[in-house]
Amino acid sequence: MNPWLKIPLKDYEKHMNHPLVGQLELLSNLTKEKLQKYKPESIAILGVCGGNGLEHINNSVTKTVIGIDINQEYLDECKNRYSTQITNLKLFQCDLNTHELPDFKAYLVMASLIFEYIDINTGLEKVYNCISENGILIAIIQKNNNVTSVSPTGVESVKEIGSVFKILDEFEFEKIAKEKGFKLISKTEHFLVNGKSFVCLDFQK
């Protein structure tokens, strides 16, 4: 069983919100930033969990919102939280390692801390096919900077994902993305309190 199916959403969010981690707030802020920058009519969020930035959706700008996650519990809670706030919210359970993505086209695809857990080549091919022409992929990858993979927050269940997490080389990732048809148009790095950082890569199809 995929470790992500064993982690309750409350544990995941408690871990990500912990002062030693601070990742949930940063991911939310980056989603807000990209929504304001690209003003997408349609967006797909891979690894949507319980929302992952959906609070920043403006229905008058973004007409279609697609959420993908491996864990149905996460999707159920996401629906509870946002189905009344977001006009056209579509949620799909999907294991990106073994399943094809649902048949959709989105102008903006957010993939935050996703490629650490899936095959990069296959994942990028699947994402390329669901992005509109000239659309945007935001890939956020984690740099540990010699810090342990899972921060010690006291949330035991999240340690499970350490078995499937892999560190990515940002330059190798850029190279593979280019080979798959993406053009890098922006790159920023954002540091966390625990010494890790997020590299945010904006690609255009």
Protein backbone atom coordinates (compact mmCIF):
# COMPACT_ATOMS: atom_id res chain seq x y z
CA MET A 1 0.00 0.00 0.00
CA ASN A 2 1.21 3.50 -0.84
CA PRO A 3 2.26 5.24 2.42
CA TRP A 4 0.13 8.26 1.48
CA LEU A 5 -2.97 6.11 1.99
CA LYS A 6 -2.00 5.50 5.62
CA ILE A 7 -1.62 9.13 6.74
CA PRO A 8 -4.74 10.85 8.13
CA LEU A 9 -5.26 14.34 6.76
CA LYS A 10 -5.17 15.85 10.24
CA ASP A 11 -1.73 14.33 10.79
CA TYR A 12 -0.43 15.61 7.46
CA GLU A 13 -1.71 19.14 8.08
CA LYS A 14 -0.46 19.15 11.69
CA HIS A 15 2.99 18.15 10.46
CA MET A 16 3.06 20.67 7.59
CA ASN A 17 1.83 23.48 9.86
CA HIS A 18 4.33 22.72 12.65
CA PRO A 19 6.68 25.64 13.48
CA LEU A 20 9.65 23.42 12.58
CA VAL A 21 8.20 22.82 9.11
CA GLY A 22 6.07 25.78 7.99
CA GLN A 23 5.45 24.27 4.58
CA LEU A 24 1.67 24.56 4.38
CA GLU A 25 1.69 28.35 4.66
CA LEU A 26 4.46 28.69 2.07
CA LEU A 27 2.67 26.40 -0.40
CA SER A 28 -0.53 28.38 0.08
CA ASN A 29 1.30 31.67 -0.51
CA LEU A 30 2.98 30.33 -3.64
CA THR A 31 -0.37 29.17 -5.00
CA LYS A 32 -1.80 32.63 -4.34
CA GLU A 33 1.17 34.23 -6.08
CA LYS A 34 0.81 32.06 -9.19
CA LEU A 35 -2.94 32.60 -9.38
CA GLN A 36 -2.40 36.34 -9.32
CA LYS A 37 0.45 36.18 -11.84
CA TYR A 38 -1.13 33.91 -14.46
CA LYS A 39 -4.86 34.52 -13.84
CA PRO A 40 -5.78 31.07 -15.16
CA GLU A 41 -9.26 30.34 -16.45
CA SER A 42 -8.61 26.72 -15.47
CA ILE A 43 -6.27 25.18 -12.91
CA ALA A 44 -5.38 21.64 -11.86
CA ILE A 45 -3.70 20.99 -8.51
CA LEU A 46 -1.84 17.70 -8.25
CA GLY A 47 -1.73 16.53 -4.64
CA VAL A 48 -4.60 18.78 -3.61
CA CYS A 49 -4.88 17.15 -0.14
CA GLY A 50 -7.37 19.15 1.91
CA GLY A 51 -7.19 22.20 -0.32
CA ASN A 52 -3.57 23.33 -0.76
CA GLY A 53 -4.25 26.95 -1.68
CA LEU A 54 -7.84 26.67 -2.92
CA GLU A 55 -8.81 29.45 -0.53
CA HIS A 56 -7.23 31.86 -3.03
CA ILE A 57 -9.41 30.88 -5.99
CA ASN A 58 -11.33 33.79 -7.53
CA ASN A 59 -14.40 32.37 -9.26
CA SER A 60 -14.72 35.36 -11.56
CA VAL A 61 -11.25 34.60 -12.98
CA THR A 62 -10.78 30.86 -12.61
CA LYS A 63 -13.83 29.05 -13.99
CA THR A 64 -12.65 25.44 -13.57
CA VAL A 65 -10.71 23.95 -10.65
CA ILE A 66 -9.49 20.35 -10.76
CA GLY A 67 -8.01 18.60 -7.75
CA ILE A 68 -6.09 15.33 -8.00
CA ASP A 69 -4.97 13.21 -5.07
CA ILE A 70 -4.13 9.60 -4.28
CA ASN A 71 -6.06 9.65 -0.99
CA GLN A 72 -9.86 9.70 -1.20
CA GLU A 73 -10.14 10.88 2.42
CA TYR A 74 -8.22 14.01 1.47
CA LEU A 75 -10.53 14.61 -1.50
CA ASP A 76 -13.64 14.14 0.64
CA GLU A 77 -12.45 16.77 3.11
CA CYS A 78 -11.44 19.07 0.27
CA LYS A 79 -14.98 18.81 -1.09
CA ASN A 80 -16.43 19.55 2.37
CA ARG A 81 -14.29 22.65 2.68
CA TYR A 82 -14.53 24.16 -0.77
CA SER A 83 -17.46 22.84 -2.82
CA THR A 84 -19.68 25.73 -1.76
CA GLN A 85 -16.96 28.35 -2.30
CA ILE A 86 -15.68 27.20 -5.69
CA THR A 87 -18.23 27.22 -8.50
CA ASN A 88 -16.80 24.41 -10.64
CA LEU A 89 -14.70 22.13 -8.44
CA LYS A 90 -13.86 18.70 -9.84
CA LEU A 91 -12.00 16.18 -7.67
CA PHE A 92 -10.42 12.93 -8.85
CA GLN A 93 -8.69 10.10 -7.00
CA CYS A 94 -5.56 9.14 -8.94
CA ASP A 95 -2.21 7.49 -8.24
CA LEU A 96 0.15 9.30 -10.60
CA ASN A 97 2.55 6.36 -10.55
CA THR A 98 0.06 3.82 -11.85
CA HIS A 99 -2.96 5.67 -13.28
CA GLU A 100 -3.49 7.96 -16.23
CA LEU A 101 -4.72 11.42 -15.33
CA PRO A 102 -8.41 12.15 -16.00
CA ASP A 103 -9.20 13.59 -19.41
CA PHE A 104 -8.94 17.37 -18.97
CA LYS A 105 -7.03 20.41 -20.18
CA ALA A 106 -5.96 23.14 -17.74
CA TYR A 107 -4.04 26.33 -18.41
CA LEU A 108 -2.21 26.17 -15.07
CA VAL A 109 -1.07 22.98 -13.35
CA MET A 110 0.36 23.18 -9.82
CA ALA A 111 2.56 20.26 -8.76
CA SER A 112 3.84 21.02 -5.27
CA LEU A 113 6.12 18.35 -3.77
CA ILE A 114 4.73 15.77 -6.19
CA PHE A 115 7.69 14.75 -8.33
CA GLU A 116 9.60 13.58 -5.24
CA TYR A 117 7.15 10.67 -5.06
CA ILE A 118 6.59 9.69 -8.70
CA ASP A 119 8.61 8.75 -11.77
CA ILE A 120 9.73 12.08 -13.23
CA ASN A 121 9.72 11.05 -16.89
CA THR A 122 6.28 9.45 -16.82
CA GLY A 123 4.88 12.17 -14.57
CA LEU A 124 6.01 14.99 -16.85
CA GLU A 125 4.58 13.21 -19.88
CA LYS A 126 1.20 12.84 -18.18
CA VAL A 127 1.21 16.48 -17.08
CA TYR A 128 2.25 17.73 -20.54
CA ASN A 129 -0.79 16.06 -22.07
CA CYS A 130 -3.24 17.75 -19.73
CA ILE A 131 -1.89 21.30 -20.07
CA SER A 132 -3.46 23.64 -22.60
CA GLU A 133 -1.32 24.94 -25.45
CA ASN A 134 1.09 27.59 -24.08
CA GLY A 135 -0.12 26.67 -20.60
CA ILE A 136 1.94 26.72 -17.42
CA LEU A 137 3.33 24.04 -15.12
CA ILE A 138 4.44 25.13 -11.65
CA ALA A 139 6.72 22.46 -10.19
CA ILE A 140 7.75 23.01 -6.58
CA ILE A 141 10.52 20.71 -5.41
CA GLN A 142 12.19 20.43 -2.04
CA LYS A 143 15.87 20.94 -1.33
CA ASN A 144 16.90 19.44 2.00
CA ASN A 145 20.21 21.34 2.22
CA ASN A 146 21.69 18.53 4.37
CA VAL A 147 18.65 18.45 6.68
CA THR A 148 16.87 15.14 7.37
CA SER A 149 13.97 14.37 5.00
CA VAL A 150 11.15 14.34 7.56
CA SER A 151 11.32 17.01 10.27
CA PRO A 152 10.78 15.75 13.85
CA THR A 153 7.33 17.19 14.63
CA GLY A 154 6.03 14.37 16.81
CA VAL A 155 3.58 13.26 14.12
CA GLU A 156 4.55 9.63 13.75
CA SER A 157 2.43 8.66 10.75
CA VAL A 158 4.22 11.02 8.34
CA LYS A 159 7.44 9.10 8.81
CA GLU A 160 5.92 6.48 6.50
CA ILE A 161 6.48 8.69 3.46
CA GLY A 162 10.22 8.72 4.05
CA SER A 163 10.27 5.30 2.38
CA VAL A 164 9.06 6.71 -0.95
CA PHE A 165 10.48 10.24 -0.83
CA LYS A 166 13.44 10.97 -3.07
CA ILE A 167 15.60 14.08 -3.31
CA LEU A 168 15.51 15.65 -6.76
CA ASP A 169 18.33 17.48 -8.46
CA GLU A 170 16.76 20.70 -9.71
CA PHE A 171 19.06 20.92 -12.74
CA GLU A 172 18.39 17.33 -13.74
CA PHE A 173 14.67 18.02 -13.35
CA GLU A 174 14.95 21.09 -15.60
CA LYS A 175 16.81 19.02 -18.18
CA ILE A 176 14.17 16.29 -18.24
CA ALA A 177 11.35 18.86 -18.40
CA LYS A 178 13.01 20.49 -21.40
CA GLU A 179 13.27 17.10 -23.11
CA LYS A 180 9.53 16.61 -22.53
CA GLY A 181 8.67 19.89 -24.26
CA PHE A 182 8.64 22.41 -21.43
CA LYS A 183 10.43 25.77 -21.43
CA LEU A 184 11.65 27.20 -18.09
CA ILE A 185 10.40 30.78 -17.76
CA SER A 186 10.94 31.49 -14.06
CA LYS A 187 12.81 30.04 -11.09
CA THR A 188 12.81 31.12 -7.46
CA GLU A 189 13.98 29.61 -4.18
CA HIS A 190 12.15 30.01 -0.86
CA PHE A 191 13.79 29.07 2.45
CA LEU A 192 12.03 27.46 5.39
CA VAL A 193 12.75 27.82 9.09
CA ASN A 194 14.27 24.33 9.31
CA GLY A 195 16.96 25.06 6.71
CA LYS A 196 15.19 23.31 3.83
CA SER A 197 14.00 25.25 0.83
CA PHE A 198 11.48 25.06 -2.00
CA VAL A 199 12.59 25.63 -5.56
CA CYS A 200 9.68 26.93 -7.60
CA LEU A 201 10.02 26.27 -11.33
CA ASP A 202 7.61 27.86 -13.80
CA PHE A 203 7.51 26.05 -17.15
CA GLN A 204 5.56 26.88 -20.28
CA LYS A 205 4.31 24.25 -22.70
